[in-house]
C-alpha atoms as a PDB file:
ATOM      1  CA  MET A   1      24.061 -45.681 -13.007  1.00  0.00           C
ATOM      2  CA  THR A   2      27.693 -45.524 -14.425  1.00  0.00           C
ATOM      3  CA  ARG A   3      29.737 -44.280 -17.231  1.00  0.00           C
ATOM      4  CA  GLY A   4      29.706 -47.470 -18.988  1.00  0.00           C
ATOM      5  CA  THR A   5      25.854 -47.520 -19.032  1.00  0.00           C
ATOM      6  CA  THR A   6      24.623 -47.377 -22.986  1.00  0.00           C
ATOM      7  CA  LEU A   7      21.173 -45.670 -23.371  1.00  0.00           C
ATOM      8  CA  LEU A   8      18.833 -46.585 -26.362  1.00  0.00           C
ATOM      9  CA  VAL A   9      17.005 -43.305 -27.306  1.00  0.00           C
ATOM     10  CA  THR A  10      13.898 -43.590 -29.531  1.00  0.00           C
ATOM     11  CA  GLY A  11      12.858 -40.274 -31.190  1.00  0.00           C
ATOM     12  CA  GLY A  12      16.287 -38.885 -29.881  1.00  0.00           C
ATOM     13  CA  ALA A  13      16.692 -36.265 -32.920  1.00  0.00           C
ATOM     14  CA  GLY A  14      13.264 -34.634 -31.301  1.00  0.00           C
ATOM     15  CA  PHE A  15      12.413 -31.922 -29.106  1.00  0.00           C
ATOM     16  CA  ILE A  16      12.559 -33.719 -25.748  1.00  0.00           C
ATOM     17  CA  GLY A  17      14.684 -36.792 -26.967  1.00  0.00           C
ATOM     18  CA  SER A  18      17.990 -34.459 -28.326  1.00  0.00           C
ATOM     19  CA  HIS A  19      17.905 -32.732 -24.694  1.00  0.00           C
ATOM     20  CA  VAL A  20      17.720 -36.418 -23.018  1.00  0.00           C
ATOM     21  CA  VAL A  21      20.801 -37.435 -25.643  1.00  0.00           C
ATOM     22  CA  GLU A  22      22.896 -34.299 -24.830  1.00  0.00           C
ATOM     23  CA  ALA A  23      22.517 -34.621 -20.645  1.00  0.00           C
ATOM     24  CA  ALA A  24      22.989 -38.632 -21.201  1.00  0.00           C
ATOM     25  CA  LEU A  25      26.532 -37.626 -23.300  1.00  0.00           C
ATOM     26  CA  ALA A  26      27.366 -35.533 -20.853  1.00  0.00           C
ATOM     27  CA  ARG A  27      27.736 -37.896 -17.759  1.00  0.00           C
ATOM     28  CA  GLY A  28      29.789 -39.745 -19.885  1.00  0.00           C
ATOM     29  CA  TRP A  29      26.936 -42.201 -21.397  1.00  0.00           C
ATOM     30  CA  ARG A  30      26.931 -44.149 -24.087  1.00  0.00           C
ATOM     31  CA  VAL A  31      23.666 -42.912 -26.504  1.00  0.00           C
ATOM     32  CA  ARG A  32      22.323 -44.772 -29.429  1.00  0.00           C
ATOM     33  CA  VAL A  33      19.427 -43.194 -30.573  1.00  0.00           C
ATOM     34  CA  VAL A  34      16.927 -44.439 -33.363  1.00  0.00           C
ATOM     35  CA  ASP A  35      14.868 -41.899 -35.122  1.00  0.00           C
ATOM     36  CA  SER A  36      12.620 -41.925 -38.440  1.00  0.00           C
ATOM     37  CA  LEU A  37      13.341 -38.209 -39.124  1.00  0.00           C
ATOM     38  CA  ARG A  38       9.928 -38.186 -40.277  1.00  0.00           C
ATOM     39  CA  ALA A  39       9.769 -34.698 -42.877  1.00  0.00           C
ATOM     40  CA  ASP A  40       6.482 -33.424 -40.421  1.00  0.00           C
ATOM     41  CA  VAL A  41       8.797 -33.348 -37.513  1.00  0.00           C
ATOM     42  CA  HIS A  42      11.986 -32.574 -38.313  1.00  0.00           C
ATOM     43  CA  GLY A  43      11.909 -30.747 -41.602  1.00  0.00           C
ATOM     44  CA  ASP A  44      15.509 -30.942 -42.923  1.00  0.00           C
ATOM     45  CA  GLY A  45      16.009 -34.206 -41.186  1.00  0.00           C
ATOM     46  CA  THR A  46      19.051 -33.434 -39.429  1.00  0.00           C
ATOM     47  CA  MET A  47      20.061 -34.150 -36.144  1.00  0.00           C
ATOM     48  CA  ARG A  48      20.002 -31.756 -33.414  1.00  0.00           C
ATOM     49  CA  VAL A  49      23.169 -33.339 -31.103  1.00  0.00           C
ATOM     50  CA  PRO A  50      26.078 -33.132 -33.510  1.00  0.00           C
ATOM     51  CA  ALA A  51      28.116 -36.165 -34.428  1.00  0.00           C
ATOM     52  CA  GLN A  52      30.758 -36.918 -31.434  1.00  0.00           C
ATOM     53  CA  GLU A  53      32.489 -39.887 -29.385  1.00  0.00           C
ATOM     54  CA  GLY A  54      30.098 -41.955 -27.797  1.00  0.00           C
ATOM     55  CA  LEU A  55      27.193 -40.867 -30.206  1.00  0.00           C
ATOM     56  CA  GLU A  56      25.304 -43.477 -32.647  1.00  0.00           C
ATOM     57  CA  LEU A  57      22.254 -42.576 -34.957  1.00  0.00           C
ATOM     58  CA  VAL A  58      20.395 -45.500 -36.751  1.00  0.00           C
ATOM     59  CA  VAL A  59      17.645 -43.923 -38.884  1.00  0.00           C
ATOM     60  CA  ALA A  60      14.768 -46.211 -38.960  1.00  0.00           C
ATOM     61  CA  ASP A  61      10.995 -46.218 -37.847  1.00  0.00           C
ATOM     62  CA  LEU A  62      10.160 -48.430 -34.983  1.00  0.00           C
ATOM     63  CA  ALA A  63       7.979 -50.705 -37.502  1.00  0.00           C
ATOM     64  CA  ASP A  64      11.480 -51.887 -39.156  1.00  0.00           C
ATOM     65  CA  GLU A  65      11.583 -55.059 -37.010  1.00  0.00           C
ATOM     66  CA  ALA A  66      14.980 -55.568 -38.004  1.00  0.00           C
ATOM     67  CA  ALA A  67      16.856 -52.382 -37.449  1.00  0.00           C
ATOM     68  CA  VAL A  68      15.231 -51.828 -33.821  1.00  0.00           C
ATOM     69  CA  ALA A  69      16.528 -55.453 -33.165  1.00  0.00           C
ATOM     70  CA  GLY A  70      19.916 -54.377 -34.240  1.00  0.00           C
ATOM     71  CA  ALA A  71      19.786 -51.296 -32.177  1.00  0.00           C
ATOM     72  CA  LEU A  72      19.003 -53.202 -28.928  1.00  0.00           C
ATOM     73  CA  GLU A  73      22.415 -54.725 -28.684  1.00  0.00           C
ATOM     74  CA  GLY A  74      24.114 -54.249 -25.854  1.00  0.00           C
ATOM     75  CA  VAL A  75      21.580 -51.418 -24.427  1.00  0.00           C
ATOM     76  CA  ASP A  76      21.139 -51.036 -21.061  1.00  0.00           C
ATOM     77  CA  VAL A  77      18.059 -49.157 -20.673  1.00  0.00           C
ATOM     78  CA  VAL A  78      15.792 -47.843 -23.384  1.00  0.00           C
ATOM     79  CA  ALA A  79      14.436 -43.951 -23.095  1.00  0.00           C
ATOM     80  CA  HIS A  80      11.103 -44.475 -25.351  1.00  0.00           C
ATOM     81  CA  LEU A  81      10.193 -40.487 -26.837  1.00  0.00           C
ATOM     82  CA  ALA A  82       9.632 -41.222 -30.029  1.00  0.00           C
ATOM     83  CA  ALA A  83       5.797 -40.449 -30.252  1.00  0.00           C
ATOM     84  CA  LYS A  84       3.073 -38.398 -32.615  1.00  0.00           C
ATOM     85  CA  VAL A  85       2.160 -35.540 -30.499  1.00  0.00           C
ATOM     86  CA  GLY A  86      -0.168 -32.633 -29.362  1.00  0.00           C
ATOM     87  CA  LEU A  87      -4.110 -32.573 -29.726  1.00  0.00           C
ATOM     88  CA  GLY A  88      -4.078 -32.871 -33.026  1.00  0.00           C
ATOM     89  CA  VAL A  89      -6.304 -31.715 -35.984  1.00  0.00           C
ATOM     90  CA  ASP A  90      -9.341 -34.382 -35.973  1.00  0.00           C
ATOM     91  CA  PHE A  91     -10.437 -37.498 -35.903  1.00  0.00           C
ATOM     92  CA  ALA A  92      -8.283 -38.403 -38.955  1.00  0.00           C
ATOM     93  CA  ASP A  93      -5.582 -38.249 -37.490  1.00  0.00           C
ATOM     94  CA  ALA A  94      -6.718 -41.292 -35.359  1.00  0.00           C
ATOM     95  CA  ALA A  95      -5.357 -44.073 -37.245  1.00  0.00           C
ATOM     96  CA  ASP A  96      -1.773 -42.002 -36.854  1.00  0.00           C
ATOM     97  CA  TYR A  97      -1.438 -41.853 -33.403  1.00  0.00           C
ATOM     98  CA  VAL A  98      -2.367 -45.650 -33.223  1.00  0.00           C
ATOM     99  CA  THR A  99      -0.137 -46.659 -35.329  1.00  0.00           C
ATOM    100  CA  SER A 100       3.076 -44.557 -34.476  1.00  0.00           C
ATOM    101  CA  ASN A 101       2.170 -44.132 -30.738  1.00  0.00           C
ATOM    102  CA  VAL A 102       0.944 -47.599 -29.818  1.00  0.00           C
ATOM    103  CA  THR A 103       2.003 -49.804 -32.711  1.00  0.00           C
ATOM    104  CA  ALA A 104       5.200 -48.684 -32.358  1.00  0.00           C
ATOM    105  CA  THR A 105       5.367 -48.942 -28.912  1.00  0.00           C
ATOM    106  CA  ALA A 106       4.343 -52.804 -28.991  1.00  0.00           C
ATOM    107  CA  THR A 107       6.754 -53.671 -31.405  1.00  0.00           C
ATOM    108  CA  LEU A 108       9.605 -51.921 -29.284  1.00  0.00           C
ATOM    109  CA  LEU A 109       8.294 -54.137 -26.506  1.00  0.00           C
ATOM    110  CA  GLN A 110       8.714 -57.247 -28.219  1.00  0.00           C
ATOM    111  CA  ALA A 111      12.123 -56.470 -29.436  1.00  0.00           C
ATOM    112  CA  MET A 112      13.505 -55.345 -25.716  1.00  0.00           C
ATOM    113  CA  ARG A 113      11.439 -58.801 -24.625  1.00  0.00           C
ATOM    114  CA  VAL A 114      13.661 -61.083 -27.512  1.00  0.00           C
ATOM    115  CA  ALA A 115      16.741 -58.960 -26.720  1.00  0.00           C
ATOM    116  CA  ARG A 116      16.158 -58.992 -22.619  1.00  0.00           C
ATOM    117  CA  VAL A 117      16.591 -55.289 -22.296  1.00  0.00           C
ATOM    118  CA  ARG A 118      14.793 -54.948 -18.750  1.00  0.00           C
ATOM    119  CA  ARG A 119      14.262 -51.037 -18.296  1.00  0.00           C
ATOM    120  CA  LEU A 120      12.310 -49.086 -19.754  1.00  0.00           C
ATOM    121  CA  VAL A 121      11.801 -45.063 -19.299  1.00  0.00           C
ATOM    122  CA  LEU A 122       8.342 -44.318 -21.203  1.00  0.00           C
ATOM    123  CA  ALA A 123       7.757 -40.715 -22.355  1.00  0.00           C
ATOM    124  CA  SER A 124       3.906 -40.475 -21.487  1.00  0.00           C
ATOM    125  CA  SER A 125       1.760 -37.127 -20.623  1.00  0.00           C
ATOM    126  CA  MET A 126      -0.640 -35.353 -18.856  1.00  0.00           C
ATOM    127  CA  VAL A 127      -3.412 -35.919 -20.958  1.00  0.00           C
ATOM    128  CA  VAL A 128      -4.062 -39.350 -19.694  1.00  0.00           C
ATOM    129  CA  TYR A 129      -5.608 -37.536 -16.721  1.00  0.00           C
ATOM    130  CA  GLY A 130      -8.475 -35.677 -18.883  1.00  0.00           C
ATOM    131  CA  GLU A 131      -9.346 -32.916 -16.847  1.00  0.00           C
ATOM    132  CA  GLY A 132      -6.956 -32.327 -13.365  1.00  0.00           C
ATOM    133  CA  ALA A 133      -7.967 -32.523  -9.737  1.00  0.00           C
ATOM    134  CA  TYR A 134     -10.965 -30.409  -8.247  1.00  0.00           C
ATOM    135  CA  ARG A 135     -13.242 -30.190  -5.632  1.00  0.00           C
ATOM    136  CA  ASP A 136     -16.490 -28.782  -4.532  1.00  0.00           C
ATOM    137  CA  ALA A 137     -18.170 -27.655  -1.241  1.00  0.00           C
ATOM    138  CA  GLN A 138     -18.237 -31.529  -0.375  1.00  0.00           C
ATOM    139  CA  GLY A 139     -14.680 -32.667  -1.593  1.00  0.00           C
ATOM    140  CA  PRO A 140     -13.009 -34.097  -4.306  1.00  0.00           C
ATOM    141  CA  ILE A 141     -15.066 -34.438  -7.352  1.00  0.00           C
ATOM    142  CA  ALA A 142     -14.197 -35.888 -10.925  1.00  0.00           C
ATOM    143  CA  VAL A 143     -15.895 -33.819 -13.174  1.00  0.00           C
ATOM    144  CA  PRO A 144     -17.083 -34.423 -16.545  1.00  0.00           C
ATOM    145  CA  PRO A 145     -15.954 -33.379 -20.264  1.00  0.00           C
ATOM    146  CA  ARG A 146     -17.589 -29.747 -20.746  1.00  0.00           C
ATOM    147  CA  LEU A 147     -19.954 -29.501 -23.225  1.00  0.00           C
ATOM    148  CA  PRO A 148     -20.053 -27.520 -26.327  1.00  0.00           C
ATOM    149  CA  ALA A 149     -23.157 -25.513 -25.437  1.00  0.00           C
ATOM    150  CA  ASP A 150     -20.995 -24.153 -22.279  1.00  0.00           C
ATOM    151  CA  LEU A 151     -17.974 -23.829 -24.653  1.00  0.00           C
ATOM    152  CA  GLU A 152     -19.654 -22.017 -27.405  1.00  0.00           C
ATOM    153  CA  ALA A 153     -21.545 -19.783 -24.813  1.00  0.00           C
ATOM    154  CA  GLY A 154     -18.318 -18.934 -22.974  1.00  0.00           C
ATOM    155  CA  ARG A 155     -18.667 -20.979 -19.894  1.00  0.00           C
ATOM    156  CA  PHE A 156     -15.801 -21.833 -19.496  1.00  0.00           C
ATOM    157  CA  GLU A 157     -15.239 -23.440 -15.683  1.00  0.00           C
ATOM    158  CA  PRO A 158     -16.063 -26.923 -15.403  1.00  0.00           C
ATOM    159  CA  VAL A 159     -18.888 -27.085 -12.714  1.00  0.00           C
ATOM    160  CA  SER A 160     -19.732 -30.108 -10.136  1.00  0.00           C
ATOM    161  CA  PRO A 161     -22.576 -32.631 -10.994  1.00  0.00           C
ATOM    162  CA  ARG A 162     -23.131 -32.640  -7.379  1.00  0.00           C
ATOM    163  CA  THR A 163     -23.423 -29.131  -6.667  1.00  0.00           C
ATOM    164  CA  GLY A 164     -23.937 -27.506 -10.245  1.00  0.00           C
ATOM    165  CA  GLU A 165     -21.091 -24.672  -9.040  1.00  0.00           C
ATOM    166  CA  PRO A 166     -17.629 -24.298 -10.562  1.00  0.00           C
ATOM    167  CA  VAL A 167     -15.252 -26.407  -8.925  1.00  0.00           C
ATOM    168  CA  GLU A 168     -11.717 -25.094  -6.844  1.00  0.00           C
ATOM    169  CA  PRO A 169      -8.806 -27.178  -9.196  1.00  0.00           C
ATOM    170  CA  LEU A 170      -6.194 -29.029  -7.251  1.00  0.00           C
ATOM    171  CA  LEU A 171      -2.604 -30.350  -8.189  1.00  0.00           C
ATOM    172  CA  VAL A 172      -2.876 -33.776  -9.507  1.00  0.00           C
ATOM    173  CA  GLU A 173      -1.671 -36.420  -8.411  1.00  0.00           C
ATOM    174  CA  GLU A 174      -0.334 -40.046 -10.511  1.00  0.00           C
ATOM    175  CA  SER A 175      -2.813 -42.254  -8.376  1.00  0.00           C
ATOM    176  CA  ALA A 176      -5.788 -39.850  -9.967  1.00  0.00           C
ATOM    177  CA  PRO A 177      -8.119 -42.029 -12.127  1.00  0.00           C
ATOM    178  CA  SER A 178      -7.241 -41.792 -16.079  1.00  0.00           C
ATOM    179  CA  ASP A 179      -9.861 -40.043 -18.394  1.00  0.00           C
ATOM    180  CA  PRO A 180      -8.478 -39.421 -21.813  1.00  0.00           C
ATOM    181  CA  ARG A 181     -10.136 -37.126 -23.892  1.00  0.00           C
ATOM    182  CA  ASN A 182      -8.772 -37.290 -27.363  1.00  0.00           C
ATOM    183  CA  VAL A 183      -7.004 -39.744 -29.572  1.00  0.00           C
ATOM    184  CA  TYR A 184      -3.460 -38.043 -28.617  1.00  0.00           C
ATOM    185  CA  ALA A 185      -4.339 -38.890 -24.970  1.00  0.00           C
ATOM    186  CA  ALA A 186      -5.573 -42.198 -25.608  1.00  0.00           C
ATOM    187  CA  SER A 187      -2.728 -43.331 -27.617  1.00  0.00           C
ATOM    188  CA  LYS A 188      -0.661 -42.162 -24.031  1.00  0.00           C
ATOM    189  CA  LEU A 189      -2.659 -44.165 -22.118  1.00  0.00           C
ATOM    190  CA  ALA A 190      -1.982 -47.206 -24.409  1.00  0.00           C
ATOM    191  CA  GLN A 191       1.425 -46.690 -23.963  1.00  0.00           C
ATOM    192  CA  GLU A 192       1.259 -47.155 -20.475  1.00  0.00           C
ATOM    193  CA  HIS A 193      -0.520 -50.243 -20.116  1.00  0.00           C
ATOM    194  CA  LEU A 194       1.329 -51.675 -22.438  1.00  0.00           C
ATOM    195  CA  ALA A 195       4.459 -50.815 -20.719  1.00  0.00           C
ATOM    196  CA  ALA A 196       2.707 -52.142 -17.416  1.00  0.00           C
ATOM    197  CA  ALA A 197       2.306 -55.419 -19.508  1.00  0.00           C
ATOM    198  CA  TRP A 198       5.383 -55.515 -20.597  1.00  0.00           C
ATOM    199  CA  ALA A 199       7.303 -55.062 -17.191  1.00  0.00           C
ATOM    200  CA  ARG A 200       4.655 -57.773 -15.378  1.00  0.00           C
ATOM    201  CA  GLY A 201       5.404 -60.213 -18.051  1.00  0.00           C
ATOM    202  CA  GLY A 202       8.858 -60.393 -17.775  1.00  0.00           C
ATOM    203  CA  ASP A 203      10.810 -58.883 -15.086  1.00  0.00           C
ATOM    204  CA  GLY A 204      11.126 -55.597 -16.168  1.00  0.00           C
ATOM    205  CA  THR A 205      10.941 -52.215 -14.486  1.00  0.00           C
ATOM    206  CA  ALA A 206       8.998 -49.407 -16.603  1.00  0.00           C
ATOM    207  CA  ALA A 207       9.243 -45.513 -15.324  1.00  0.00           C
ATOM    208  CA  LEU A 208       6.167 -43.789 -16.699  1.00  0.00           C
ATOM    209  CA  LEU A 209       6.691 -40.214 -16.975  1.00  0.00           C
ATOM    210  CA  ARG A 210       3.855 -37.959 -17.523  1.00  0.00           C
ATOM    211  CA  PHE A 211       5.350 -34.968 -18.992  1.00  0.00           C
ATOM    212  CA  HIS A 212       3.233 -31.987 -18.692  1.00  0.00           C
ATOM    213  CA  ASN A 213       3.845 -28.696 -20.983  1.00  0.00           C
ATOM    214  CA  VAL A 214       7.187 -28.690 -21.440  1.00  0.00           C
ATOM    215  CA  TYR A 215       8.894 -25.542 -23.205  1.00  0.00           C
ATOM    216  CA  GLY A 216      12.665 -24.942 -24.238  1.00  0.00           C
ATOM    217  CA  PRO A 217      15.155 -24.769 -27.010  1.00  0.00           C
ATOM    218  CA  HIS A 218      14.422 -27.297 -30.181  1.00  0.00           C
ATOM    219  CA  MET A 219      10.498 -26.766 -29.740  1.00  0.00           C
ATOM    220  CA  PRO A 220       8.593 -27.712 -33.001  1.00  0.00           C
ATOM    221  CA  MET A 221       7.543 -24.410 -34.756  1.00  0.00           C
ATOM    222  CA  GLY A 222       5.199 -24.386 -37.602  1.00  0.00           C
ATOM    223  CA  THR A 223       2.602 -27.722 -37.034  1.00  0.00           C
ATOM    224  CA  PRO A 224      -0.398 -28.425 -35.700  1.00  0.00           C
ATOM    225  CA  TYR A 225       1.017 -30.718 -33.083  1.00  0.00           C
ATOM    226  CA  ALA A 226       3.051 -28.058 -31.693  1.00  0.00           C
ATOM    227  CA  GLY A 227       2.711 -27.018 -27.761  1.00  0.00           C
ATOM    228  CA  VAL A 228       1.489 -23.512 -26.868  1.00  0.00           C
ATOM    229  CA  ALA A 229       4.378 -22.078 -25.914  1.00  0.00           C
ATOM    230  CA  SER A 230       5.541 -22.949 -29.461  1.00  0.00           C
ATOM    231  CA  ILE A 231       2.752 -21.362 -31.019  1.00  0.00           C
ATOM    232  CA  PHE A 232       2.550 -18.212 -29.366  1.00  0.00           C
ATOM    233  CA  ARG A 233       6.326 -18.057 -30.082  1.00  0.00           C
ATOM    234  CA  SER A 234       5.566 -18.288 -34.199  1.00  0.00           C
ATOM    235  CA  SER A 235       2.917 -15.598 -34.028  1.00  0.00           C
ATOM    236  CA  LEU A 236       5.355 -13.158 -32.132  1.00  0.00           C
ATOM    237  CA  GLU A 237       8.304 -14.129 -34.593  1.00  0.00           C
ATOM    238  CA  ARG A 238       5.849 -12.957 -37.499  1.00  0.00           C
ATOM    239  CA  GLY A 239       4.665  -9.601 -35.602  1.00  0.00           C
ATOM    240  CA  GLU A 240       1.330 -11.104 -35.125  1.00  0.00           C
ATOM    241  CA  ALA A 241      -0.136 -11.083 -31.730  1.00  0.00           C
ATOM    242  CA  PRO A 242      -0.637 -14.500 -29.641  1.00  0.00           C
ATOM    243  CA  ARG A 243      -4.362 -15.723 -29.865  1.00  0.00           C
ATOM    244  CA  VAL A 244      -5.636 -16.889 -26.531  1.00  0.00           C
ATOM    245  CA  PHE A 245      -8.095 -19.543 -26.487  1.00  0.00           C
ATOM    246  CA  GLU A 246     -10.980 -19.242 -24.002  1.00  0.00           C
ATOM    247  CA  ASP A 247     -11.230 -16.565 -21.462  1.00  0.00           C
ATOM    248  CA  GLY A 248      -6.868 -17.293 -21.214  1.00  0.00           C
ATOM    249  CA  GLY A 249      -7.416 -18.930 -17.410  1.00  0.00           C
ATOM    250  CA  GLN A 250      -6.633 -22.256 -18.298  1.00  0.00           C
ATOM    251  CA  ARG A 251      -4.025 -23.595 -15.463  1.00  0.00           C
ATOM    252  CA  ARG A 252      -0.972 -25.257 -16.664  1.00  0.00           C
ATOM    253  CA  ASP A 253       2.389 -26.265 -14.964  1.00  0.00           C
ATOM    254  CA  PHE A 254       5.273 -25.466 -17.942  1.00  0.00           C
ATOM    255  CA  VAL A 255       8.374 -27.357 -17.262  1.00  0.00           C
ATOM    256  CA  HIS A 256      11.604 -26.686 -18.617  1.00  0.00           C
ATOM    257  CA  VAL A 257      12.927 -29.632 -21.088  1.00  0.00           C
ATOM    258  CA  ARG A 258      16.401 -29.842 -19.403  1.00  0.00           C
ATOM    259  CA  ASP A 259      14.594 -30.353 -16.407  1.00  0.00           C
ATOM    260  CA  VAL A 260      12.781 -32.747 -18.127  1.00  0.00           C
ATOM    261  CA  ALA A 261      15.807 -34.302 -19.897  1.00  0.00           C
ATOM    262  CA  ASP A 262      17.105 -34.999 -16.322  1.00  0.00           C
ATOM    263  CA  ALA A 263      14.049 -36.665 -15.099  1.00  0.00           C
ATOM    264  CA  ASN A 264      14.250 -38.979 -17.596  1.00  0.00           C
ATOM    265  CA  LEU A 265      18.151 -39.995 -16.477  1.00  0.00           C
ATOM    266  CA  ALA A 266      17.124 -39.927 -12.971  1.00  0.00           C
ATOM    267  CA  ALA A 267      14.189 -42.456 -14.065  1.00  0.00           C
ATOM    268  CA  ALA A 268      16.684 -44.160 -15.910  1.00  0.00           C
ATOM    269  CA  ALA A 269      18.471 -45.243 -12.392  1.00  0.00           C
ATOM    270  CA  TRP A 270      15.519 -45.716 -10.972  1.00  0.00           C
ATOM    271  CA  THR A 271      14.831 -48.752 -13.294  1.00  0.00           C
ATOM    272  CA  ALA A 272      17.956 -50.034 -12.189  1.00  0.00           C
ATOM    273  CA  GLU A 273      17.117 -50.524  -8.568  1.00  0.00           C
ATOM    274  CA  ALA A 274      13.314 -50.955  -8.474  1.00  0.00           C
ATOM    275  CA  ASP A 275      11.427 -54.823  -8.018  1.00  0.00           C
ATOM    276  CA  ALA A 276      10.965 -56.399 -11.028  1.00  0.00           C
ATOM    277  CA  GLY A 277       7.927 -56.519 -12.624  1.00  0.00           C
ATOM    278  CA  ALA A 278       7.458 -52.559 -11.717  1.00  0.00           C
ATOM    279  CA  ALA A 279       5.913 -49.806 -13.601  1.00  0.00           C
ATOM    280  CA  ARG A 280       5.211 -46.741 -11.652  1.00  0.00           C
ATOM    281  CA  ALA A 281       4.330 -43.278 -12.574  1.00  0.00           C
ATOM    282  CA  PHE A 282       5.735 -40.183 -12.123  1.00  0.00           C
ATOM    283  CA  ASN A 283       4.496 -36.430 -12.980  1.00  0.00           C
ATOM    284  CA  VAL A 284       7.615 -34.461 -14.266  1.00  0.00           C
ATOM    285  CA  GLY A 285       6.495 -30.711 -13.839  1.00  0.00           C
ATOM    286  CA  SER A 286       7.642 -27.392 -11.857  1.00  0.00           C
ATOM    287  CA  GLY A 287       5.181 -27.491  -8.999  1.00  0.00           C
ATOM    288  CA  THR A 288       4.408 -23.961 -10.454  1.00  0.00           C
ATOM    289  CA  VAL A 289       0.965 -22.767 -11.511  1.00  0.00           C
ATOM    290  CA  HIS A 290       0.593 -20.818 -14.394  1.00  0.00           C
ATOM    291  CA  THR A 291      -2.567 -19.778 -16.907  1.00  0.00           C
ATOM    292  CA  ILE A 292      -2.443 -20.161 -20.659  1.00  0.00           C
ATOM    293  CA  GLY A 293      -2.365 -15.690 -20.593  1.00  0.00           C
ATOM    294  CA  GLU A 294       0.202 -15.775 -18.345  1.00  0.00           C
ATOM    295  CA  MET A 295       2.202 -17.635 -20.277  1.00  0.00           C
ATOM    296  CA  ALA A 296       1.315 -15.406 -23.603  1.00  0.00           C
ATOM    297  CA  THR A 297       1.867 -12.196 -21.793  1.00  0.00           C
ATOM    298  CA  ALA A 298       5.331 -13.503 -20.601  1.00  0.00           C
ATOM    299  CA  LEU A 299       6.701 -14.355 -24.216  1.00  0.00           C
ATOM    300  CA  ALA A 300       4.533 -11.034 -25.523  1.00  0.00           C
ATOM    301  CA  ASP A 301       6.909  -8.873 -22.991  1.00  0.00           C
ATOM    302  CA  ALA A 302       9.953 -10.617 -23.873  1.00  0.00           C
ATOM    303  CA  PHE A 303      10.094  -9.988 -27.655  1.00  0.00           C
ATOM    304  CA  GLY A 304       8.323  -6.943 -26.984  1.00  0.00           C
ATOM    305  CA  GLY A 305       5.880  -8.187 -29.790  1.00  0.00           C
ATOM    306  CA  PRO A 306       2.154  -7.207 -29.223  1.00  0.00           C
ATOM    307  CA  PRO A 307      -0.175  -8.341 -26.325  1.00  0.00           C
ATOM    308  CA  PRO A 308      -2.194 -11.306 -26.385  1.00  0.00           C
ATOM    309  CA  VAL A 309      -5.865 -11.535 -27.966  1.00  0.00           C
ATOM    310  CA  VAL A 310      -8.135 -13.417 -26.340  1.00  0.00           C
ATOM    311  CA  THR A 311     -10.432 -14.950 -28.193  1.00  0.00           C
ATOM    312  CA  GLY A 312     -13.459 -17.216 -26.791  1.00  0.00           C
ATOM    313  CA  ASP A 313     -12.505 -19.561 -29.136  1.00  0.00           C
ATOM    314  CA  TYR A 314     -12.386 -23.283 -28.154  1.00  0.00           C
ATOM    315  CA  ARG A 315     -11.122 -26.589 -29.063  1.00  0.00           C
ATOM    316  CA  LEU A 316     -13.262 -29.773 -28.129  1.00  0.00           C
ATOM    317  CA  GLY A 317     -11.288 -31.956 -26.795  1.00  0.00           C
ATOM    318  CA  ASP A 318      -9.141 -29.757 -24.784  1.00  0.00           C
ATOM    319  CA  VAL A 319      -8.776 -29.354 -21.142  1.00  0.00           C
ATOM    320  CA  ARG A 320      -9.710 -26.621 -18.697  1.00  0.00           C
ATOM    321  CA  HIS A 321      -7.052 -27.046 -15.943  1.00  0.00           C
ATOM    322  CA  VAL A 322      -4.520 -29.899 -15.304  1.00  0.00           C
ATOM    323  CA  THR A 323      -1.649 -29.239 -13.135  1.00  0.00           C
ATOM    324  CA  ALA A 324       0.953 -31.253 -11.251  1.00  0.00           C
ATOM    325  CA  SER A 325       1.851 -32.687  -8.202  1.00  0.00           C
ATOM    326  CA  SER A 326       5.378 -33.687  -8.897  1.00  0.00           C
ATOM    327  CA  GLN A 327       5.875 -34.856  -5.225  1.00  0.00           C
ATOM    328  CA  ARG A 328       6.248 -38.303  -6.282  1.00  0.00           C
ATOM    329  CA  ALA A 329       9.317 -37.725  -8.251  1.00  0.00           C
ATOM    330  CA  ALA A 330      10.739 -35.388  -5.879  1.00  0.00           C
ATOM    331  CA  ASP A 331      10.552 -38.192  -3.245  1.00  0.00           C
ATOM    332  CA  GLU A 332      11.376 -41.857  -5.204  1.00  0.00           C
ATOM    333  CA  LEU A 333      13.668 -39.726  -8.117  1.00  0.00           C
ATOM    334  CA  GLY A 334      15.092 -37.378  -5.998  1.00  0.00           C
END
């Protein structure tokens, strides 16, 4: 990728998008941002990246076909990060998730086809897997969704449908089957399918980045759609103990947002070299497993705040364990 590259970042005013913008500008790329600056995400409606040479902001929703078409002029590659994120509150969020994530992606891809922009980096998510990878005494196995009765009784570990015993969690690879278990997850998988269809149908190339639990500067705060690290931090800033659901033993892969930004730029380079029609998924994680309880304790210690409270509460649609193998990204993206 050369210094003359022009990158369009949808959602470039957001948490991850702003770091992608900063990383691209640091490499001498030209960056155009399309962002709606919707108030429930951005609060005061300002860009986190200061105005500077090489950076252009287009304030528009991706449903605005004319604005998107104009924003694609002269673009080499698109990093599509605009999305409604998080598990959500309840199924009443479904239409907004589908409109914000699925319909908006379809509109963007249509415009890219017309503009002959053939390179895409899509922000997907670990949630497309549902539960992560597991094995029981007989070998690898897929586990069904946990039953409300088990969660209510404090039986949080998935069990093998073959043996009835708890299973051992493994690192999930990109070849694992998809199994979205909430509306957000379904919308992210739909984005992947649309991107793959777009690439196959018009000689495009698409890198589908399945982010794991991203944390770092600019995390969204004070919203039901914020990530767990942000929710814990908000509690500690109010002088309250982080409230840990289940027993705190949920396994996750926490990855710093600047590493995620670097992965986006590496994937952008990959799209220039990949075979026409290619759409390939990549896990983006740290490769290190931690539990939710460990994250809460680390943050409480750093703040000098009260220790976490393990509540035993749960959310239907949450998964127990999902941690990444990022070997494919290491091998193919560097």
